[in-house]
Amino acid sequence: MMIDPVLGPAIPELGWVPAPRYLMRRARIRRLMDKIPTGSLIEIGSGAAALLVELAQKGFQCEALEMSADARALSTSMIHKFAQNIPLHASPNPDWKNCFDVLCAFDVLEHIEHDQQALAQWISWIKPDGHLLLSVPAHMKLWRAGDKWAGHFRRYERSSFIMLLENSGLEVEVFECYGFPLTNFTEWISAPIYARRIYNKAQNDDANRKQNNDRSGTDRKPHMALYPLLRSLPGKWTLGLFSAIQSLFINQDLGSGYVVRARRRC
């Protein structure tokens, strides 16, 4: 099945469609991946596996670690729809040390309380001189209801995030702040929608956060109504325009997310 070049893979029949923030991030990641030779690749927290399907089509030997059973089921449907063969793992394999040429984790680290510990484990799975591709939400001043809905622990700041990466044994090759101005606007305008959908019925904050976290990678209900517009010719033209605009500001700290390409030091 052909993949839409602007929107990427989607399975609207199962309730997953790309959101504008995802599409702005996808545009930058695809450019960063162009410089990386194909090889073995693992994605942590692959969600619906939409980007993973595209990377597999480019020639990467892909697999994924996805701990959510619902996300693995959705990923399986996506992988089958686009005729790929991508193993999905529910837990890490003890044989992964120095195993992968590339490790990707897009908007995952902010969901983990002990992020430095998780990052160190991920890096141990990359071959020496291999690559890490990461994205995280930027700027605590942009913390909104959508962060609580998704079960985030934090958003990141440029200097402290670079320090975290370098202290973990990485050489940062590219550091971009993406999304300006579209994702700033969509996160602001969607905040009241997410505020009404935050799960808070559990007995404590940790349980509430887990409920919110588990659905964040697969729940696209707030975006389903927008998808027909995104699929239209004016919608795709508008997305292309905003993608071009964000490329003018990626070296300034104006967007709402960071995307990083780094290399594991030998």
Protein backbone atom coordinates (compact mmCIF):
# COMPACT_ATOMS: atom_id res chain seq x y z
CA MET A 1 0.00 0.00 0.00
CA MET A 2 1.26 3.46 -0.89
CA ILE A 3 2.15 5.82 1.96
CA ASP A 4 0.96 9.41 1.66
CA PRO A 5 4.17 11.50 1.29
CA VAL A 6 2.77 14.39 3.35
CA LEU A 7 0.86 12.55 6.08
CA GLY A 8 2.73 9.25 6.28
CA PRO A 9 1.00 6.00 7.30
CA ALA A 10 -2.41 6.12 8.99
CA ILE A 11 -5.12 3.69 10.04
CA PRO A 12 -8.20 5.89 10.57
CA GLU A 13 -10.39 2.79 10.52
CA LEU A 14 -8.75 1.86 13.87
CA GLY A 15 -8.71 5.37 15.27
CA TRP A 16 -5.09 6.41 14.65
CA VAL A 17 -4.29 9.37 12.44
CA PRO A 18 -1.28 11.71 12.44
CA ALA A 19 -1.60 14.87 14.52
CA PRO A 20 -0.08 18.20 13.36
CA ARG A 21 2.62 18.01 16.07
CA TYR A 22 3.56 14.50 14.93
CA LEU A 23 3.77 15.67 11.31
CA MET A 24 6.06 18.62 12.13
CA ARG A 25 8.33 16.27 14.13
CA ARG A 26 8.22 13.64 11.36
CA ALA A 27 9.41 16.20 8.82
CA ARG A 28 12.53 17.00 10.87
CA ILE A 29 13.28 13.37 11.77
CA ARG A 30 13.11 12.30 8.11
CA ARG A 31 15.73 14.94 7.26
CA LEU A 32 17.99 13.86 10.13
CA MET A 33 17.69 10.20 9.13
CA ASP A 34 18.81 10.97 5.57
CA LYS A 35 22.40 11.29 6.83
CA ILE A 36 22.39 7.91 8.59
CA PRO A 37 23.33 4.71 6.67
CA THR A 38 20.73 1.96 6.83
CA GLY A 39 21.34 -0.76 9.41
CA SER A 40 19.77 -2.32 12.49
CA LEU A 41 17.33 0.02 14.25
CA ILE A 42 15.17 -0.18 17.35
CA GLU A 43 12.49 2.28 18.34
CA ILE A 44 11.57 2.63 22.02
CA GLY A 45 7.88 3.33 22.61
CA SER A 46 6.85 3.00 19.00
CA GLY A 47 3.17 3.82 19.63
CA ALA A 48 1.30 3.11 16.40
CA ALA A 49 4.62 2.32 14.61
CA ALA A 50 3.86 4.80 11.82
CA LEU A 51 7.39 6.18 11.60
CA LEU A 52 8.86 2.72 12.05
CA VAL A 53 6.99 1.52 8.95
CA GLU A 54 8.52 4.36 6.93
CA LEU A 55 12.03 3.61 8.22
CA ALA A 56 11.59 -0.06 7.33
CA GLN A 57 10.59 0.96 3.81
CA LYS A 58 13.83 3.00 3.58
CA GLY A 59 15.83 -0.16 4.24
CA PHE A 60 16.44 -0.15 8.00
CA GLN A 61 16.12 -3.53 9.76
CA CYS A 62 13.59 -2.36 12.32
CA GLU A 63 12.25 -3.68 15.58
CA ALA A 64 10.56 -2.02 18.52
CA LEU A 65 10.25 -2.11 22.29
CA GLU A 66 6.68 -1.20 23.19
CA MET A 67 5.47 -2.05 26.70
CA SER A 68 1.82 -1.09 26.13
CA ALA A 69 -0.28 -4.06 24.99
CA ASP A 70 -2.78 -1.72 23.30
CA ALA A 71 0.02 0.02 21.40
CA ARG A 72 1.50 -3.31 20.29
CA ALA A 73 -1.89 -4.38 18.95
CA LEU A 74 -2.23 -1.10 17.04
CA SER A 75 1.36 -1.38 15.78
CA THR A 76 0.69 -4.89 14.52
CA SER A 77 -2.26 -3.61 12.48
CA MET A 78 -0.15 -0.78 11.05
CA ILE A 79 2.74 -3.10 10.17
CA HIS A 80 0.45 -5.61 8.47
CA LYS A 81 -1.42 -2.90 6.56
CA PHE A 82 1.81 -1.66 5.01
CA ALA A 83 3.25 -5.17 4.52
CA GLN A 84 6.34 -4.86 6.72
CA ASN A 85 8.05 -7.42 8.94
CA ILE A 86 8.94 -5.63 12.19
CA PRO A 87 9.37 -7.59 15.46
CA LEU A 88 7.68 -5.99 18.48
CA HIS A 89 9.03 -6.66 21.98
CA ALA A 90 7.11 -6.28 25.24
CA SER A 91 10.30 -6.15 27.33
CA PRO A 92 14.05 -5.60 26.74
CA ASN A 93 16.22 -8.47 25.60
CA PRO A 94 19.38 -9.14 27.69
CA ASP A 95 21.34 -9.65 24.44
CA TRP A 96 20.82 -6.07 23.22
CA LYS A 97 24.12 -4.64 24.56
CA ASN A 98 26.03 -2.94 21.68
CA CYS A 99 23.43 -4.43 19.31
CA PHE A 100 21.88 -1.62 17.21
CA ASP A 101 23.25 0.85 14.68
CA VAL A 102 20.42 3.28 15.48
CA LEU A 103 18.11 3.74 18.47
CA CYS A 104 15.08 6.02 18.23
CA ALA A 105 12.83 7.29 21.03
CA PHE A 106 10.36 9.97 20.00
CA ASP A 107 8.50 11.74 22.81
CA VAL A 108 9.18 8.92 25.27
CA LEU A 109 11.80 10.20 27.74
CA GLU A 110 9.44 12.74 29.33
CA HIS A 111 7.14 9.86 30.37
CA ILE A 112 9.89 8.26 32.51
CA GLU A 113 10.52 9.48 36.06
CA HIS A 114 14.20 8.47 36.13
CA ASP A 115 15.14 9.67 32.66
CA GLN A 116 18.92 9.58 33.13
CA GLN A 117 18.78 5.92 34.10
CA ALA A 118 16.59 5.05 31.11
CA LEU A 119 18.85 6.98 28.74
CA ALA A 120 21.93 5.12 30.02
CA GLN A 121 20.23 1.79 29.34
CA TRP A 122 19.20 2.83 25.83
CA ILE A 123 22.71 4.00 25.00
CA SER A 124 24.15 0.65 26.14
CA TRP A 125 22.08 -0.99 23.39
CA ILE A 126 23.69 1.15 20.65
CA LYS A 127 26.88 0.04 18.94
CA PRO A 128 29.91 2.27 19.66
CA ASP A 129 29.76 5.16 17.13
CA GLY A 130 26.09 4.34 16.47
CA HIS A 131 23.32 6.92 16.45
CA LEU A 132 20.56 8.00 18.81
CA LEU A 133 17.54 9.94 17.53
CA LEU A 134 15.44 11.55 20.25
CA SER A 135 12.59 13.99 20.56
CA VAL A 136 11.11 15.54 23.69
CA PRO A 137 8.68 18.38 24.45
CA ALA A 138 10.43 21.69 25.09
CA HIS A 139 10.08 24.43 27.72
CA MET A 140 8.37 24.01 31.08
CA LYS A 141 6.74 27.40 30.47
CA LEU A 142 4.67 25.63 27.79
CA TRP A 143 3.37 23.00 30.25
CA ARG A 144 -0.35 22.58 29.54
CA ALA A 145 -3.20 20.17 30.14
CA GLY A 146 -1.94 18.05 27.23
CA ASP A 147 1.19 17.21 29.23
CA LYS A 148 -0.86 16.00 32.20
CA TRP A 149 -3.21 14.11 29.85
CA ALA A 150 -0.18 12.30 28.38
CA GLY A 151 1.35 11.42 31.76
CA HIS A 152 4.49 13.55 31.34
CA PHE A 153 6.90 14.11 34.21
CA ARG A 154 8.50 17.15 32.60
CA ARG A 155 9.30 19.18 29.51
CA TYR A 156 12.97 19.92 28.77
CA GLU A 157 15.17 23.00 28.49
CA ARG A 158 17.91 23.27 25.88
CA SER A 159 21.01 23.63 28.06
CA SER A 160 20.09 21.02 30.69
CA PHE A 161 18.97 18.56 28.01
CA ILE A 162 22.24 18.89 26.08
CA MET A 163 24.13 18.43 29.36
CA LEU A 164 22.11 15.27 30.08
CA LEU A 165 22.97 13.85 26.64
CA GLU A 166 26.68 14.70 26.81
CA ASN A 167 27.06 13.42 30.37
CA SER A 168 25.49 10.15 29.21
CA GLY A 169 28.27 9.52 26.70
CA LEU A 170 26.80 11.07 23.57
CA GLU A 171 28.19 13.53 21.05
CA VAL A 172 25.36 15.79 19.94
CA GLU A 173 25.52 16.23 16.15
CA VAL A 174 22.25 18.10 15.51
CA PHE A 175 19.98 19.83 18.01
CA GLU A 176 16.81 21.45 16.68
CA CYS A 177 13.81 23.17 18.24
CA TYR A 178 10.91 22.25 15.96
CA GLY A 179 7.28 23.16 15.52
CA PHE A 180 7.23 26.96 15.55
CA PRO A 181 4.66 28.36 15.08
CA LEU A 182 2.14 25.57 14.34
CA THR A 183 2.70 23.25 17.33
CA ASN A 184 2.80 26.18 19.75
CA PHE A 185 -0.64 27.18 18.49
CA THR A 186 -2.15 23.68 18.39
CA GLU A 187 -0.94 22.85 21.92
CA TRP A 188 -2.45 26.11 23.22
CA ILE A 189 -5.80 25.74 21.44
CA SER A 190 -6.18 22.03 22.32
CA ALA A 191 -5.44 22.46 26.04
CA PRO A 192 -9.14 22.79 27.10
CA ILE A 193 -9.97 19.60 25.15
CA TYR A 194 -7.22 17.64 26.90
CA ALA A 195 -8.16 19.14 30.29
CA ARG A 196 -11.59 17.52 29.99
CA ARG A 197 -10.03 14.15 29.12
CA ILE A 198 -7.44 13.82 31.91
CA TYR A 199 -7.95 10.58 33.83
CA ASN A 200 -8.08 11.30 37.57
CA LYS A 201 -10.28 8.57 39.02
CA ALA A 202 -7.56 6.33 40.46
CA GLN A 203 -6.64 6.27 44.15
CA ASN A 204 -3.34 8.14 43.81
CA ASP A 205 -1.35 10.35 41.43
CA ASP A 206 0.94 7.54 40.24
CA ALA A 207 -2.02 5.40 39.16
CA ASN A 208 -3.66 8.37 37.43
CA ARG A 209 -0.41 9.17 35.62
CA LYS A 210 -0.06 5.56 34.43
CA GLN A 211 -3.61 5.54 33.05
CA ASN A 212 -2.93 8.79 31.20
CA ASN A 213 0.49 7.59 30.03
CA ASP A 214 -0.70 4.23 28.67
CA ARG A 215 -3.15 5.75 26.20
CA SER A 216 -1.11 8.75 25.06
CA GLY A 217 0.69 7.00 22.19
CA THR A 218 -2.42 5.57 20.60
CA ASP A 219 -5.38 7.82 21.49
CA ARG A 220 -6.03 10.16 18.58
CA LYS A 221 -9.71 10.92 19.24
CA PRO A 222 -9.13 14.69 19.51
CA HIS A 223 -7.52 14.64 16.03
CA MET A 224 -9.95 12.38 14.15
CA ALA A 225 -12.27 15.28 13.28
CA LEU A 226 -9.34 17.26 11.86
CA TYR A 227 -8.01 14.43 9.68
CA PRO A 228 -10.33 14.96 6.66
CA LEU A 229 -9.10 18.54 6.49
CA LEU A 230 -5.45 17.46 6.73
CA ARG A 231 -6.02 14.96 3.91
CA SER A 232 -7.46 17.61 1.60
CA LEU A 233 -5.26 19.40 -0.92
CA PRO A 234 -5.51 22.74 0.98
CA GLY A 235 -4.69 20.85 4.18
CA LYS A 236 -1.57 19.26 2.73
CA TRP A 237 -0.51 22.56 1.20
CA THR A 238 -0.89 24.24 4.60
CA LEU A 239 1.13 21.51 6.33
CA GLY A 240 3.87 21.92 3.73
CA LEU A 241 3.89 25.68 4.33
CA PHE A 242 4.23 25.26 8.12
CA SER A 243 6.93 22.62 7.65
CA ALA A 244 8.89 25.12 5.53
CA ILE A 245 8.34 27.89 8.10
CA GLN A 246 9.54 25.74 11.01
CA SER A 247 12.76 24.98 9.11
CA LEU A 248 13.59 28.71 9.29
CA PHE A 249 13.49 28.68 13.11
CA ILE A 250 14.97 25.30 14.10
CA ASN A 251 18.13 26.93 15.49
CA GLN A 252 16.12 29.27 17.70
CA ASP A 253 14.39 28.28 20.91
CA LEU A 254 10.88 29.16 19.73
CA GLY A 255 9.22 25.81 19.02
CA SER A 256 7.53 23.42 21.43
CA GLY A 257 9.75 20.36 20.93
CA TYR A 258 13.39 19.34 20.60
CA VAL A 259 14.70 16.76 18.17
CA VAL A 260 18.26 15.50 18.46
CA ARG A 261 20.66 13.39 16.45
CA ALA A 262 23.59 12.18 18.58
CA ARG A 263 26.38 9.65 18.25
CA ARG A 264 27.52 7.26 20.95
CA ARG A 265 31.15 7.94 21.80
CA CYS A 266 33.47 4.99 21.21
